[in-house]
Amino acid sequence: MKRWYVVQVYTGFEEVVKADLEKRIEEEGLQDFFGDILVPRGQVVSMFAEEQDKKEKIFPGYLLIQLEMTGESYRVVASNPRVTRFLGGGKPVPISEKEVSRVFSQISGELPVAREAITFTDGCEVSISSGPFAGFVGVVERVDEEREKITVMVSIFGRLTPVELGFDQVKR
């Protein structure tokens, strides 16, 4: 019986791994053991009106594979160089029907996928994670929600200096 399994892959290589797996399954004649291979994408609802909603990966770095778990099917998937592992460790565990239906409702657009809300407030301390000031810690002085930018006061050579950063460049 075919069940849905989650496979962790290198982020950004989901489509490549899917194509490689489909090719290997066909070459080895294992179509009877495999069903669909999905890179889950859903309509992401933007928080700002001027941004258009777009299809994005729901789970970056993961594939959903419908297969009958046998030694051969496991080997074909696990031996792909960009596959990290099956979720569940040494003995892969299929995901429940409830989880499968939730993912399919997100893919079809019935259940919207919302971006993670990032909130910064004046005076909160943040750590800069990327850019020329990576590793510095600063205090938020101003938040621009529209442009997704914040101004952070960073101590450089003993003087507080304002640095404008994107929301993706800092973490709380």
N, C-alpha and C. Protein backbone atom coordinates (compact mmCIF):
# COMPACT_ATOMS: atom_id res chain seq x y z
N MET A 1 0.83 -1.18 0.00
CA MET A 1 0.00 0.00 0.00
C MET A 1 0.88 1.25 0.00
N LYS A 2 0.57 2.19 -0.89
CA LYS A 2 1.36 3.41 -0.98
C LYS A 2 0.93 4.39 0.09
N ARG A 3 1.93 4.97 0.77
CA ARG A 3 1.71 5.97 1.82
C ARG A 3 2.56 7.18 1.50
N TRP A 4 2.26 8.31 2.12
CA TRP A 4 3.01 9.54 1.91
C TRP A 4 4.14 9.64 2.93
N TYR A 5 5.34 9.93 2.44
CA TYR A 5 6.52 10.11 3.28
C TYR A 5 7.13 11.48 2.99
N VAL A 6 7.80 12.03 3.99
CA VAL A 6 8.47 13.31 3.84
C VAL A 6 9.97 13.04 3.76
N VAL A 7 10.59 13.65 2.74
CA VAL A 7 12.02 13.47 2.52
C VAL A 7 12.69 14.84 2.61
N GLN A 8 13.74 14.92 3.42
CA GLN A 8 14.49 16.17 3.54
C GLN A 8 15.55 16.20 2.45
N VAL A 9 15.61 17.31 1.71
CA VAL A 9 16.58 17.48 0.62
C VAL A 9 17.30 18.81 0.81
N TYR A 10 18.36 19.03 0.02
CA TYR A 10 19.06 20.31 0.08
C TYR A 10 18.10 21.40 -0.35
N THR A 11 18.01 22.46 0.43
CA THR A 11 17.12 23.58 0.10
C THR A 11 17.54 24.21 -1.23
N GLY A 12 16.56 24.42 -2.08
CA GLY A 12 16.82 24.99 -3.40
C GLY A 12 16.97 23.93 -4.48
N PHE A 13 17.08 22.66 -4.09
CA PHE A 13 17.26 21.57 -5.04
C PHE A 13 16.03 20.67 -5.11
N GLU A 14 14.90 21.13 -4.61
CA GLU A 14 13.70 20.30 -4.56
C GLU A 14 13.28 19.82 -5.95
N GLU A 15 13.24 20.74 -6.92
CA GLU A 15 12.82 20.38 -8.28
C GLU A 15 13.84 19.45 -8.94
N VAL A 16 15.13 19.67 -8.67
CA VAL A 16 16.18 18.82 -9.25
C VAL A 16 16.06 17.40 -8.70
N VAL A 17 15.86 17.27 -7.40
CA VAL A 17 15.71 15.95 -6.78
C VAL A 17 14.47 15.25 -7.32
N LYS A 18 13.38 16.00 -7.47
CA LYS A 18 12.15 15.41 -8.01
C LYS A 18 12.40 14.85 -9.41
N ALA A 19 13.06 15.63 -10.27
CA ALA A 19 13.35 15.18 -11.64
C ALA A 19 14.28 13.96 -11.62
N ASP A 20 15.31 13.99 -10.76
CA ASP A 20 16.24 12.85 -10.65
C ASP A 20 15.50 11.58 -10.22
N LEU A 21 14.63 11.71 -9.23
CA LEU A 21 13.90 10.54 -8.74
C LEU A 21 12.97 9.98 -9.81
N GLU A 22 12.27 10.86 -10.50
CA GLU A 22 11.36 10.39 -11.56
C GLU A 22 12.13 9.64 -12.64
N LYS A 23 13.31 10.14 -12.99
CA LYS A 23 14.14 9.50 -14.01
C LYS A 23 14.64 8.13 -13.53
N ARG A 24 15.12 8.07 -12.28
CA ARG A 24 15.64 6.80 -11.74
C ARG A 24 14.54 5.76 -11.59
N ILE A 25 13.36 6.19 -11.18
CA ILE A 25 12.23 5.27 -11.02
C ILE A 25 11.88 4.64 -12.36
N GLU A 26 11.87 5.46 -13.40
CA GLU A 26 11.57 4.96 -14.74
C GLU A 26 12.67 4.04 -15.25
N GLU A 27 13.94 4.42 -15.04
CA GLU A 27 15.07 3.61 -15.51
C GLU A 27 15.09 2.24 -14.86
N GLU A 28 14.74 2.19 -13.57
CA GLU A 28 14.81 0.92 -12.83
C GLU A 28 13.48 0.16 -12.86
N GLY A 29 12.48 0.72 -13.52
CA GLY A 29 11.20 0.03 -13.66
C GLY A 29 10.45 -0.14 -12.36
N LEU A 30 10.50 0.85 -11.48
CA LEU A 30 9.85 0.75 -10.17
C LEU A 30 8.58 1.59 -10.08
N GLN A 31 7.94 1.85 -11.20
CA GLN A 31 6.74 2.69 -11.21
C GLN A 31 5.63 2.14 -10.33
N ASP A 32 5.58 0.80 -10.18
CA ASP A 32 4.52 0.19 -9.37
C ASP A 32 4.64 0.54 -7.89
N PHE A 33 5.85 0.87 -7.43
CA PHE A 33 6.08 1.17 -6.02
C PHE A 33 5.90 2.65 -5.69
N PHE A 34 5.86 3.51 -6.71
CA PHE A 34 5.81 4.94 -6.48
C PHE A 34 4.53 5.56 -7.01
N GLY A 35 4.08 6.60 -6.32
CA GLY A 35 2.94 7.41 -6.76
C GLY A 35 3.47 8.79 -7.14
N ASP A 36 2.88 9.81 -6.54
CA ASP A 36 3.27 11.18 -6.83
C ASP A 36 4.49 11.61 -6.03
N ILE A 37 5.25 12.53 -6.62
CA ILE A 37 6.35 13.20 -5.93
C ILE A 37 6.03 14.68 -5.99
N LEU A 38 5.88 15.31 -4.83
CA LEU A 38 5.44 16.70 -4.79
C LEU A 38 6.45 17.62 -4.13
N VAL A 39 6.59 18.81 -4.72
CA VAL A 39 7.25 19.94 -4.06
C VAL A 39 6.08 20.83 -3.65
N PRO A 40 5.66 20.75 -2.38
CA PRO A 40 4.46 21.47 -1.97
C PRO A 40 4.59 22.99 -2.15
N ARG A 41 3.71 23.56 -2.97
CA ARG A 41 3.66 25.01 -3.19
C ARG A 41 2.25 25.47 -2.90
N GLY A 42 2.15 26.63 -2.28
CA GLY A 42 0.84 27.18 -1.97
C GLY A 42 0.79 28.67 -2.21
N GLN A 43 -0.42 29.19 -2.26
CA GLN A 43 -0.63 30.62 -2.46
C GLN A 43 -0.33 31.31 -1.14
N VAL A 44 0.73 32.12 -1.11
CA VAL A 44 1.11 32.82 0.12
C VAL A 44 0.40 34.16 0.14
N VAL A 45 -0.28 34.42 1.24
CA VAL A 45 -1.02 35.66 1.41
C VAL A 45 -0.07 36.71 1.93
N SER A 46 0.05 37.82 1.19
CA SER A 46 0.94 38.89 1.64
C SER A 46 0.22 39.78 2.64
N MET A 47 0.98 40.39 3.50
CA MET A 47 0.41 41.25 4.52
C MET A 47 0.18 42.66 3.99
N PHE A 48 0.81 43.01 2.87
CA PHE A 48 0.71 44.36 2.33
C PHE A 48 -0.09 44.31 1.03
N ALA A 49 -1.01 45.25 0.86
CA ALA A 49 -1.93 45.23 -0.27
C ALA A 49 -1.23 45.36 -1.62
N GLU A 50 -0.15 46.14 -1.68
CA GLU A 50 0.48 46.35 -2.99
C GLU A 50 1.27 45.14 -3.48
N GLU A 51 1.61 44.23 -2.58
CA GLU A 51 2.30 43.01 -3.01
C GLU A 51 1.28 42.03 -3.56
N GLN A 52 1.62 41.36 -4.64
CA GLN A 52 0.73 40.35 -5.18
C GLN A 52 0.99 39.02 -4.48
N ASP A 53 -0.08 38.28 -4.23
CA ASP A 53 0.09 36.94 -3.67
C ASP A 53 0.76 36.07 -4.72
N LYS A 54 1.63 35.16 -4.26
CA LYS A 54 2.33 34.31 -5.21
C LYS A 54 2.49 32.92 -4.64
N LYS A 55 2.76 31.97 -5.54
CA LYS A 55 2.98 30.58 -5.13
C LYS A 55 4.40 30.46 -4.61
N GLU A 56 4.53 29.95 -3.39
CA GLU A 56 5.83 29.71 -2.80
C GLU A 56 5.86 28.31 -2.21
N LYS A 57 7.06 27.81 -2.00
CA LYS A 57 7.20 26.49 -1.37
C LYS A 57 6.66 26.58 0.05
N ILE A 58 5.81 25.64 0.39
CA ILE A 58 5.24 25.60 1.73
C ILE A 58 6.29 25.10 2.72
N PHE A 59 7.05 24.07 2.30
CA PHE A 59 8.07 23.48 3.14
C PHE A 59 9.40 23.47 2.39
N PRO A 60 10.14 24.58 2.35
CA PRO A 60 11.41 24.57 1.63
C PRO A 60 12.34 23.50 2.21
N GLY A 61 12.98 22.74 1.32
CA GLY A 61 13.90 21.70 1.76
C GLY A 61 13.25 20.35 1.97
N TYR A 62 11.98 20.21 1.59
CA TYR A 62 11.28 18.94 1.79
C TYR A 62 10.48 18.56 0.55
N LEU A 63 10.38 17.26 0.31
CA LEU A 63 9.53 16.70 -0.73
C LEU A 63 8.53 15.76 -0.08
N LEU A 64 7.36 15.63 -0.69
CA LEU A 64 6.40 14.63 -0.28
C LEU A 64 6.41 13.55 -1.35
N ILE A 65 6.63 12.31 -0.94
CA ILE A 65 6.70 11.21 -1.89
C ILE A 65 5.71 10.14 -1.48
N GLN A 66 4.88 9.74 -2.44
CA GLN A 66 3.93 8.66 -2.21
C GLN A 66 4.58 7.39 -2.71
N LEU A 67 4.81 6.43 -1.81
CA LEU A 67 5.46 5.20 -2.22
C LEU A 67 5.09 4.05 -1.32
N GLU A 68 5.31 2.85 -1.84
CA GLU A 68 5.18 1.63 -1.06
C GLU A 68 6.58 1.34 -0.54
N MET A 69 6.73 1.36 0.78
CA MET A 69 8.06 1.24 1.38
C MET A 69 8.59 -0.19 1.26
N THR A 70 9.57 -0.35 0.39
CA THR A 70 10.29 -1.61 0.23
C THR A 70 11.77 -1.27 0.25
N GLY A 71 12.59 -2.27 0.28
CA GLY A 71 14.04 -2.04 0.25
C GLY A 71 14.47 -1.30 -1.00
N GLU A 72 13.90 -1.69 -2.14
CA GLU A 72 14.26 -1.06 -3.43
C GLU A 72 13.80 0.40 -3.48
N SER A 73 12.56 0.66 -3.07
CA SER A 73 12.05 2.04 -3.14
C SER A 73 12.81 2.94 -2.16
N TYR A 74 13.13 2.42 -0.98
CA TYR A 74 13.92 3.18 -0.01
C TYR A 74 15.29 3.50 -0.59
N ARG A 75 15.94 2.51 -1.20
CA ARG A 75 17.27 2.70 -1.76
C ARG A 75 17.28 3.75 -2.86
N VAL A 76 16.29 3.72 -3.74
CA VAL A 76 16.23 4.68 -4.85
C VAL A 76 16.16 6.11 -4.32
N VAL A 77 15.36 6.33 -3.29
CA VAL A 77 15.21 7.68 -2.74
C VAL A 77 16.42 8.07 -1.91
N ALA A 78 16.81 7.21 -0.98
CA ALA A 78 17.88 7.56 -0.04
C ALA A 78 19.26 7.67 -0.69
N SER A 79 19.47 7.03 -1.83
CA SER A 79 20.80 7.07 -2.46
C SER A 79 20.99 8.29 -3.34
N ASN A 80 19.96 9.12 -3.50
CA ASN A 80 20.11 10.35 -4.28
C ASN A 80 21.07 11.27 -3.52
N PRO A 81 22.08 11.84 -4.22
CA PRO A 81 23.09 12.64 -3.53
C PRO A 81 22.56 13.89 -2.83
N ARG A 82 21.42 14.41 -3.24
CA ARG A 82 20.90 15.63 -2.61
C ARG A 82 19.80 15.34 -1.58
N VAL A 83 19.55 14.08 -1.32
CA VAL A 83 18.57 13.70 -0.29
C VAL A 83 19.32 13.54 1.02
N THR A 84 18.86 14.25 2.04
CA THR A 84 19.50 14.16 3.35
C THR A 84 19.00 12.94 4.10
N ARG A 85 17.66 12.82 4.20
CA ARG A 85 17.10 11.69 4.95
C ARG A 85 15.59 11.66 4.82
N PHE A 86 15.01 10.54 5.18
CA PHE A 86 13.57 10.43 5.37
C PHE A 86 13.26 10.95 6.76
N LEU A 87 12.14 11.60 6.94
CA LEU A 87 11.74 11.96 8.29
C LEU A 87 11.31 10.70 9.01
N GLY A 88 11.77 10.56 10.22
CA GLY A 88 11.46 9.36 10.99
C GLY A 88 12.71 8.57 11.30
N GLY A 89 13.85 9.00 10.76
CA GLY A 89 15.12 8.34 11.07
C GLY A 89 15.34 7.06 10.31
N GLY A 90 15.90 6.05 10.99
CA GLY A 90 16.25 4.78 10.36
C GLY A 90 15.05 4.05 9.77
N LYS A 91 13.93 4.14 10.43
CA LYS A 91 12.70 3.52 9.91
C LYS A 91 11.72 4.65 9.59
N PRO A 92 11.63 5.04 8.31
CA PRO A 92 10.77 6.16 7.94
C PRO A 92 9.32 5.95 8.36
N VAL A 93 8.72 7.04 8.82
CA VAL A 93 7.34 7.01 9.29
C VAL A 93 6.47 7.78 8.30
N PRO A 94 5.40 7.15 7.80
CA PRO A 94 4.50 7.89 6.89
C PRO A 94 3.74 8.97 7.65
N ILE A 95 3.35 10.01 6.93
CA ILE A 95 2.56 11.06 7.59
C ILE A 95 1.10 10.65 7.59
N SER A 96 0.36 11.19 8.55
CA SER A 96 -1.04 10.80 8.72
C SER A 96 -1.91 11.38 7.61
N GLU A 97 -3.09 10.79 7.43
CA GLU A 97 -4.03 11.27 6.43
C GLU A 97 -4.47 12.70 6.72
N LYS A 98 -4.55 13.05 8.00
CA LYS A 98 -4.92 14.41 8.39
C LYS A 98 -3.87 15.41 7.90
N GLU A 99 -2.60 15.06 8.08
CA GLU A 99 -1.52 15.94 7.61
C GLU A 99 -1.51 16.04 6.09
N VAL A 100 -1.74 14.93 5.42
CA VAL A 100 -1.78 14.91 3.95
C VAL A 100 -2.91 15.82 3.45
N SER A 101 -4.09 15.72 4.05
CA SER A 101 -5.22 16.54 3.60
C SER A 101 -4.96 18.02 3.86
N ARG A 102 -4.27 18.35 4.97
CA ARG A 102 -3.95 19.75 5.26
C ARG A 102 -2.99 20.30 4.21
N VAL A 103 -1.98 19.52 3.83
CA VAL A 103 -1.03 19.96 2.82
C VAL A 103 -1.72 20.15 1.47
N PHE A 104 -2.57 19.21 1.10
CA PHE A 104 -3.28 19.33 -0.18
C PHE A 104 -4.24 20.52 -0.19
N SER A 105 -4.85 20.84 0.96
CA SER A 105 -5.73 22.01 1.00
C SER A 105 -4.91 23.29 0.88
N GLN A 106 -3.68 23.30 1.39
CA GLN A 106 -2.80 24.46 1.21
C GLN A 106 -2.36 24.58 -0.25
N ILE A 107 -2.06 23.46 -0.89
CA ILE A 107 -1.64 23.48 -2.29
C ILE A 107 -2.78 23.97 -3.18
N SER A 108 -4.01 23.51 -2.93
CA SER A 108 -5.15 23.87 -3.77
C SER A 108 -5.64 25.29 -3.50
N GLY A 109 -5.22 25.89 -2.40
CA GLY A 109 -5.63 27.26 -2.09
C GLY A 109 -6.81 27.35 -1.16
N GLU A 110 -7.36 26.22 -0.74
CA GLU A 110 -8.48 26.23 0.20
C GLU A 110 -8.06 26.77 1.55
N LEU A 111 -6.86 26.43 1.97
CA LEU A 111 -6.31 26.87 3.24
C LEU A 111 -5.13 27.78 2.94
N PRO A 112 -5.23 29.09 3.22
CA PRO A 112 -4.15 30.00 2.86
C PRO A 112 -2.89 29.75 3.69
N VAL A 113 -1.75 30.03 3.06
CA VAL A 113 -0.46 29.93 3.74
C VAL A 113 -0.04 31.35 4.05
N ALA A 114 0.07 31.67 5.32
CA ALA A 114 0.44 33.03 5.71
C ALA A 114 1.93 33.09 6.01
N ARG A 115 2.52 34.18 5.61
CA ARG A 115 3.92 34.39 5.97
C ARG A 115 4.01 34.58 7.47
N GLU A 116 5.12 34.18 8.01
CA GLU A 116 5.34 34.35 9.43
C GLU A 116 5.40 35.84 9.74
N ALA A 117 4.59 36.27 10.66
CA ALA A 117 4.57 37.69 11.02
C ALA A 117 5.80 38.01 11.86
N ILE A 118 6.57 38.96 11.40
CA ILE A 118 7.76 39.37 12.12
C ILE A 118 7.44 40.73 12.74
N THR A 119 7.52 40.80 14.03
CA THR A 119 7.21 42.06 14.70
C THR A 119 8.42 42.57 15.44
N PHE A 120 8.72 43.82 15.20
CA PHE A 120 9.80 44.50 15.90
C PHE A 120 9.20 45.74 16.54
N THR A 121 9.66 46.06 17.72
CA THR A 121 9.18 47.26 18.40
C THR A 121 10.38 48.13 18.74
N ASP A 122 10.13 49.42 18.83
CA ASP A 122 11.19 50.35 19.20
C ASP A 122 11.74 49.96 20.56
N GLY A 123 13.06 49.94 20.65
CA GLY A 123 13.71 49.63 21.91
C GLY A 123 14.04 48.17 22.13
N CYS A 124 13.56 47.27 21.26
CA CYS A 124 13.89 45.85 21.46
C CYS A 124 15.29 45.56 20.91
N GLU A 125 15.94 44.61 21.51
CA GLU A 125 17.30 44.24 21.12
C GLU A 125 17.24 43.18 20.02
N VAL A 126 18.07 43.36 18.98
CA VAL A 126 18.12 42.41 17.88
C VAL A 126 19.56 42.04 17.59
N SER A 127 19.71 40.87 16.98
CA SER A 127 21.02 40.40 16.55
C SER A 127 21.04 40.44 15.03
N ILE A 128 22.10 41.02 14.47
CA ILE A 128 22.21 41.12 13.01
C ILE A 128 22.80 39.82 12.49
N SER A 129 22.06 39.19 11.55
CA SER A 129 22.45 37.85 11.09
C SER A 129 23.14 37.84 9.73
N SER A 130 23.01 38.91 8.94
CA SER A 130 23.68 38.92 7.64
C SER A 130 24.05 40.35 7.26
N GLY A 131 24.91 40.44 6.26
CA GLY A 131 25.35 41.75 5.81
C GLY A 131 26.67 42.14 6.46
N PRO A 132 27.13 43.36 6.22
CA PRO A 132 28.44 43.78 6.75
C PRO A 132 28.49 43.88 8.27
N PHE A 133 27.33 43.98 8.92
CA PHE A 133 27.30 44.09 10.37
C PHE A 133 26.90 42.79 11.05
N ALA A 134 27.01 41.66 10.35
CA ALA A 134 26.64 40.36 10.92
C ALA A 134 27.43 40.11 12.20
N GLY A 135 26.73 39.64 13.21
CA GLY A 135 27.36 39.37 14.49
C GLY A 135 27.19 40.50 15.49
N PHE A 136 26.83 41.69 15.04
CA PHE A 136 26.61 42.82 15.94
C PHE A 136 25.23 42.69 16.58
N VAL A 137 25.10 43.30 17.74
CA VAL A 137 23.83 43.37 18.44
C VAL A 137 23.48 44.85 18.55
N GLY A 138 22.21 45.16 18.34
CA GLY A 138 21.80 46.55 18.41
C GLY A 138 20.40 46.70 18.96
N VAL A 139 19.98 47.96 19.06
CA VAL A 139 18.66 48.28 19.59
C VAL A 139 17.84 48.93 18.47
N VAL A 140 16.61 48.47 18.29
CA VAL A 140 15.73 49.00 17.24
C VAL A 140 15.32 50.42 17.60
N GLU A 141 15.54 51.33 16.64
CA GLU A 141 15.14 52.71 16.85
C GLU A 141 13.88 53.06 16.07
N ARG A 142 13.75 52.53 14.85
CA ARG A 142 12.60 52.85 14.01
C ARG A 142 12.23 51.62 13.19
N VAL A 143 10.92 51.41 12.99
CA VAL A 143 10.43 50.28 12.20
C VAL A 143 9.60 50.83 11.04
N ASP A 144 9.92 50.39 9.81
CA ASP A 144 9.17 50.78 8.62
C ASP A 144 8.51 49.51 8.08
N GLU A 145 7.26 49.27 8.49
CA GLU A 145 6.53 48.06 8.11
C GLU A 145 6.32 47.97 6.60
N GLU A 146 6.04 49.12 5.95
CA GLU A 146 5.76 49.12 4.51
C GLU A 146 6.94 48.60 3.71
N ARG A 147 8.13 49.08 4.01
CA ARG A 147 9.32 48.69 3.26
C ARG A 147 10.03 47.48 3.88
N GLU A 148 9.52 46.98 5.01
CA GLU A 148 10.12 45.88 5.75
C GLU A 148 11.57 46.19 6.09
N LYS A 149 11.79 47.40 6.62
CA LYS A 149 13.12 47.86 7.03
C LYS A 149 13.05 48.34 8.48
N ILE A 150 14.17 48.20 9.17
CA ILE A 150 14.27 48.74 10.52
C ILE A 150 15.58 49.50 10.64
N THR A 151 15.59 50.50 11.50
CA THR A 151 16.81 51.23 11.80
C THR A 151 17.27 50.75 13.16
N VAL A 152 18.52 50.27 13.20
CA VAL A 152 19.08 49.70 14.42
C VAL A 152 20.29 50.55 14.83
N MET A 153 20.36 50.87 16.11
CA MET A 153 21.51 51.60 16.65
C MET A 153 22.56 50.57 17.06
N VAL A 154 23.72 50.63 16.39
CA VAL A 154 24.79 49.68 16.63
C VAL A 154 26.00 50.43 17.15
N SER A 155 26.68 49.86 18.13
CA SER A 155 27.88 50.48 18.68
C SER A 155 29.08 50.10 17.81
N ILE A 156 29.61 51.10 17.11
CA ILE A 156 30.79 50.90 16.27
C ILE A 156 31.88 51.81 16.79
N PHE A 157 33.00 51.24 17.22
CA PHE A 157 34.12 51.97 17.81
C PHE A 157 33.65 52.86 18.96
N GLY A 158 32.72 52.33 19.77
CA GLY A 158 32.26 53.04 20.96
C GLY A 158 31.22 54.12 20.70
N ARG A 159 30.77 54.29 19.45
CA ARG A 159 29.76 55.30 19.14
C ARG A 159 28.53 54.60 18.58
N LEU A 160 27.36 55.06 19.01
CA LEU A 160 26.12 54.50 18.47
C LEU A 160 25.88 55.05 17.08
N THR A 161 25.71 54.14 16.13
CA THR A 161 25.53 54.50 14.72
C THR A 161 24.24 53.87 14.21
N PRO A 162 23.38 54.65 13.51
CA PRO A 162 22.15 54.06 12.96
C PRO A 162 22.47 53.26 11.69
N VAL A 163 21.92 52.06 11.61
CA VAL A 163 22.12 51.19 10.45
C VAL A 163 20.73 50.74 9.99
N GLU A 164 20.43 50.93 8.68
CA GLU A 164 19.15 50.49 8.15
C GLU A 164 19.31 49.07 7.61
N LEU A 165 18.43 48.18 8.06
CA LEU A 165 18.49 46.77 7.69
C LEU A 165 17.12 46.27 7.29
N GLY A 166 17.10 45.19 6.52
CA GLY A 166 15.85 44.52 6.16
C GLY A 166 15.44 43.57 7.28
N PHE A 167 14.14 43.25 7.32
CA PHE A 167 13.64 42.33 8.33
C PHE A 167 14.37 41.00 8.27
N ASP A 168 14.78 40.58 7.07
CA ASP A 168 15.44 39.28 6.91
C ASP A 168 16.89 39.30 7.37
N GLN A 169 17.44 40.46 7.71
CA GLN A 169 18.84 40.55 8.11
C GLN A 169 19.01 40.50 9.64
N VAL A 170 17.93 40.50 10.38
CA VAL A 170 18.01 40.51 11.84
C VAL A 170 17.14 39.43 12.44
N LYS A 171 17.47 39.08 13.66
CA LYS A 171 16.61 38.15 14.42
C LYS A 171 16.55 38.62 15.85
N ARG A 172 15.45 38.29 16.48
CA ARG A 172 15.22 38.74 17.87
C ARG A 172 15.94 37.89 18.86
